[in-house]
């Protein structure tokens, strides 16, 4: 079957395409769903200065777990978009460490872009993508030719490249990628982003099989 924007929620969040999910993996996915869901709606009673509107998420796989790069929207107090980096043994712990370190609550209701590092894609995206089916099924997806942090921290003249400009380079959303990966005889593809002298540009197309990076076709 194909997934549409209406076919989302906890069922899609935990479904395994082969029919079964090990309990440890299932609990990990549900935990991340809860973290993103909490950030999506936010705890009641917080002041505006206690919230951070997350526009883009970068996910890198490391030797010890995950490194997550968050790009936050500009505010009336700070004109430039902001960059945060957090890490953890699991994706859940990496996301939770943001609040612990900053004392502020991330809101993912306007997250429009997810960038995956190359090592993350090589390890496989199925489990990492699962939480986004619930809250952000139309989020745009892309692959960095190196690390996700490199793309989201790119600067020109000491100013972070606007997320809106990076997102404009990407046309593939989660629903499209999911359907391509699960359609018989089809392979999922994601646009590849690279950084040249501080500028983010399209550099090719990544080809996936069973949510794992198989190769990169460089742009002609």
Protein backbone atom coordinates (compact mmCIF):
# COMPACT_ATOMS: atom_id res chain seq x y z
CA UNK A 1 0.00 0.00 0.00
CA UNK A 2 1.01 3.64 -0.23
CA UNK A 3 0.96 6.09 2.63
CA UNK A 4 -0.94 9.35 2.31
CA UNK A 5 -1.00 12.37 4.59
CA UNK A 6 -4.14 10.97 6.25
CA UNK A 7 -2.55 7.60 7.01
CA UNK A 8 -0.38 8.71 9.90
CA UNK A 9 -0.38 8.40 13.67
CA UNK A 10 0.87 5.93 16.21
CA UNK A 11 0.07 2.99 13.95
CA UNK A 12 2.34 4.26 11.17
CA UNK A 13 4.92 5.33 13.70
CA UNK A 14 5.55 1.80 14.94
CA UNK A 15 4.69 -0.33 11.91
CA UNK A 16 7.44 -2.60 10.62
CA UNK A 17 7.39 -3.21 6.85
CA UNK A 18 8.23 -6.89 7.36
CA UNK A 19 5.43 -7.42 9.85
CA UNK A 20 7.26 -7.51 13.18
CA UNK A 21 9.31 -5.18 15.35
CA UNK A 22 11.66 -6.27 18.16
CA UNK A 23 10.47 -4.90 21.50
CA UNK A 24 13.64 -2.90 22.22
CA UNK A 25 13.47 -1.20 18.82
CA UNK A 26 9.74 -0.60 19.19
CA UNK A 27 10.18 1.11 22.56
CA UNK A 28 12.97 3.28 21.15
CA UNK A 29 10.77 4.45 18.27
CA UNK A 30 7.82 5.18 20.56
CA UNK A 31 10.11 7.12 22.91
CA UNK A 32 11.30 9.39 20.12
CA UNK A 33 7.70 9.86 18.97
CA UNK A 34 6.84 11.06 22.45
CA UNK A 35 9.78 13.47 22.53
CA UNK A 36 8.85 14.96 19.16
CA UNK A 37 5.16 14.95 20.07
CA UNK A 38 5.84 16.80 23.34
CA UNK A 39 7.86 19.35 21.42
CA UNK A 40 5.16 19.57 18.79
CA UNK A 41 2.47 20.79 21.15
CA UNK A 42 4.63 22.05 23.99
CA UNK A 43 3.86 22.03 27.72
CA UNK A 44 1.20 24.46 28.82
CA UNK A 45 2.10 27.65 30.61
CA UNK A 46 5.52 28.30 29.08
CA UNK A 47 6.45 31.87 28.20
CA UNK A 48 7.50 32.69 24.64
CA UNK A 49 11.14 33.12 25.64
CA UNK A 50 11.11 29.55 27.00
CA UNK A 51 10.21 28.07 23.60
CA UNK A 52 12.37 27.51 20.53
CA UNK A 53 10.74 27.08 17.12
CA UNK A 54 12.74 24.42 15.26
CA UNK A 55 12.86 24.88 11.48
CA UNK A 56 15.28 22.11 10.51
CA UNK A 57 16.86 19.02 12.04
CA UNK A 58 20.18 17.43 11.08
CA UNK A 59 20.89 13.85 12.17
CA UNK A 60 24.38 12.33 12.17
CA UNK A 61 25.38 8.86 13.32
CA UNK A 62 28.51 8.77 15.45
CA UNK A 63 30.62 6.07 17.03
CA UNK A 64 28.82 6.61 20.34
CA UNK A 65 25.27 7.32 19.14
CA UNK A 66 23.70 10.35 17.48
CA UNK A 67 24.55 14.00 17.00
CA UNK A 68 21.57 16.24 16.29
CA UNK A 69 21.84 19.73 14.82
CA UNK A 70 18.84 22.02 15.27
CA UNK A 71 18.17 25.25 13.40
CA UNK A 72 15.86 27.63 15.23
CA UNK A 73 13.84 30.47 13.75
CA UNK A 74 14.84 34.06 14.27
CA UNK A 75 12.99 36.08 16.90
CA UNK A 76 12.24 39.71 17.62
CA UNK A 77 15.13 39.63 20.08
CA UNK A 78 17.58 37.92 17.69
CA UNK A 79 17.42 38.58 13.95
CA UNK A 80 19.69 35.72 12.90
CA UNK A 81 18.55 32.11 12.89
CA UNK A 82 20.23 30.08 15.61
CA UNK A 83 22.15 26.81 15.60
CA UNK A 84 22.17 24.19 18.36
CA UNK A 85 24.02 20.88 18.55
CA UNK A 86 23.21 18.08 20.98
CA UNK A 87 24.25 14.45 21.29
CA UNK A 88 23.19 11.22 22.96
CA UNK A 89 23.55 7.47 22.86
CA UNK A 90 20.11 7.31 21.21
CA UNK A 91 18.16 9.76 19.08
CA UNK A 92 15.72 10.20 21.96
CA UNK A 93 18.52 11.15 24.36
CA UNK A 94 20.05 13.54 21.84
CA UNK A 95 16.73 15.36 21.38
CA UNK A 96 16.03 15.47 25.11
CA UNK A 97 19.48 16.88 25.88
CA UNK A 98 18.52 20.13 24.14
CA UNK A 99 16.02 21.04 26.85
CA UNK A 100 18.37 19.94 29.61
CA UNK A 101 21.20 22.08 28.24
CA UNK A 102 19.23 25.22 27.35
CA UNK A 103 16.28 25.15 29.73
CA UNK A 104 14.00 25.84 26.76
CA UNK A 105 11.35 23.72 25.08
CA UNK A 106 11.79 22.91 21.35
CA UNK A 107 8.66 23.14 19.19
CA UNK A 108 8.66 20.98 16.05
CA UNK A 109 5.32 22.12 14.64
CA UNK A 110 7.08 24.14 11.91
CA UNK A 111 9.96 21.79 11.17
CA UNK A 112 10.12 21.64 7.39
CA UNK A 113 13.48 20.01 6.67
CA UNK A 114 15.47 17.02 7.88
CA UNK A 115 19.05 16.51 6.71
CA UNK A 116 20.77 13.16 7.22
CA UNK A 117 24.50 12.72 7.45
CA UNK A 118 26.11 10.17 5.14
CA UNK A 119 27.03 7.78 7.97
CA UNK A 120 23.43 7.86 9.21
CA UNK A 121 22.14 6.92 5.75
CA UNK A 122 24.70 4.14 5.43
CA UNK A 123 23.50 2.67 8.73
CA UNK A 124 19.88 2.84 7.54
CA UNK A 125 17.07 5.39 7.87
CA UNK A 126 14.04 3.22 8.63
CA UNK A 127 14.18 3.52 12.41
CA UNK A 128 15.30 7.16 12.34
CA UNK A 129 12.42 8.14 10.06
CA UNK A 130 9.71 6.31 12.01
CA UNK A 131 8.95 9.10 14.54
CA UNK A 132 8.34 11.66 11.77
CA UNK A 133 5.44 9.66 10.29
CA UNK A 134 3.33 10.72 13.24
CA UNK A 135 3.98 14.43 13.49
CA UNK A 136 5.62 15.62 10.25
CA UNK A 137 4.73 13.26 7.35
CA UNK A 138 5.29 15.97 4.72
CA UNK A 139 8.66 17.14 6.03
CA UNK A 140 11.31 17.48 3.31
CA UNK A 141 14.23 15.01 3.40
CA UNK A 142 17.76 15.36 2.11
CA UNK A 143 21.21 13.81 2.44
CA UNK A 144 24.46 15.60 3.12
CA UNK A 145 27.48 14.50 1.11
CA UNK A 146 29.32 14.65 4.44
CA UNK A 147 27.63 15.50 7.74
CA UNK A 148 24.23 17.01 8.39
CA UNK A 149 25.87 19.48 10.73
CA UNK A 150 28.03 20.80 7.88
CA UNK A 151 24.93 21.67 5.83
CA UNK A 152 22.94 23.29 8.62
CA UNK A 153 25.94 25.23 9.98
CA UNK A 154 27.04 26.60 6.59
CA UNK A 155 27.80 30.32 6.76
CA UNK A 156 28.40 33.11 4.28
CA UNK A 157 29.88 36.33 5.59
CA UNK A 158 29.53 34.86 9.10
CA UNK A 159 25.76 34.52 8.69
CA UNK A 160 24.03 31.13 8.70
CA UNK A 161 22.54 30.13 5.37
CA UNK A 162 18.77 30.61 5.78
CA UNK A 163 16.84 27.37 6.23
CA UNK A 164 14.33 28.64 3.66
CA UNK A 165 17.07 28.78 1.01
CA UNK A 166 18.37 25.31 1.89
CA UNK A 167 14.85 23.87 1.86
CA UNK A 168 14.23 25.35 -1.60
CA UNK A 169 16.89 22.94 -2.94
CA UNK A 170 14.87 19.94 -1.76
CA UNK A 171 11.69 18.57 -3.33
CA UNK A 172 11.41 15.09 -1.78
CA UNK A 173 9.17 14.75 1.25
CA UNK A 174 8.74 11.87 3.67
CA UNK A 175 5.57 10.53 2.03
CA UNK A 176 7.23 10.39 -1.39
CA UNK A 177 10.31 8.66 -0.04
CA UNK A 178 8.25 6.15 1.94
CA UNK A 179 6.06 5.26 -1.03
CA UNK A 180 9.05 4.91 -3.38
CA UNK A 181 10.80 2.62 -0.90
CA UNK A 182 7.75 0.39 -0.50
CA UNK A 183 6.54 0.31 -4.12
CA UNK A 184 7.57 -2.95 -5.88
CA UNK A 185 10.46 -2.39 -8.27
CA UNK A 186 11.07 1.13 -7.01
CA UNK A 187 13.91 2.70 -5.02
CA UNK A 188 13.80 5.72 -2.79
CA UNK A 189 15.92 8.71 -3.72
CA UNK A 190 16.94 11.84 -1.84
CA UNK A 191 18.66 15.01 -3.07
CA UNK A 192 22.27 15.36 -1.96
CA UNK A 193 23.46 18.67 -0.53
CA UNK A 194 27.08 19.83 -0.34
CA UNK A 195 28.75 22.95 1.00
CA UNK A 196 31.03 24.96 -1.29
CA UNK A 197 32.76 27.98 0.25
CA UNK A 198 29.95 28.39 2.72
CA UNK A 199 27.17 28.00 0.17
CA UNK A 200 24.82 25.00 0.19
CA UNK A 201 24.11 23.51 -3.25
CA UNK A 202 22.64 20.38 -4.84
CA UNK A 203 25.42 17.98 -5.79
CA UNK A 204 23.62 14.78 -6.77
CA UNK A 205 21.01 12.19 -5.93
CA UNK A 206 21.24 9.44 -3.33
CA UNK A 207 19.74 6.03 -4.10
CA UNK A 208 18.35 3.82 -1.32
CA UNK A 209 17.28 0.23 -0.99
CA UNK A 210 15.44 -0.92 2.14
CA UNK A 211 16.12 2.55 3.60
CA UNK A 212 19.90 2.05 3.36
CA UNK A 213 22.16 4.22 1.19
CA UNK A 214 23.31 2.27 -1.87
CA UNK A 215 25.09 4.99 -3.80
CA UNK A 216 25.19 8.61 -4.91
CA UNK A 217 24.68 9.76 -8.48
CA UNK A 218 26.60 12.98 -8.92
CA UNK A 219 24.97 15.88 -10.71
CA UNK A 220 26.06 16.30 -14.31
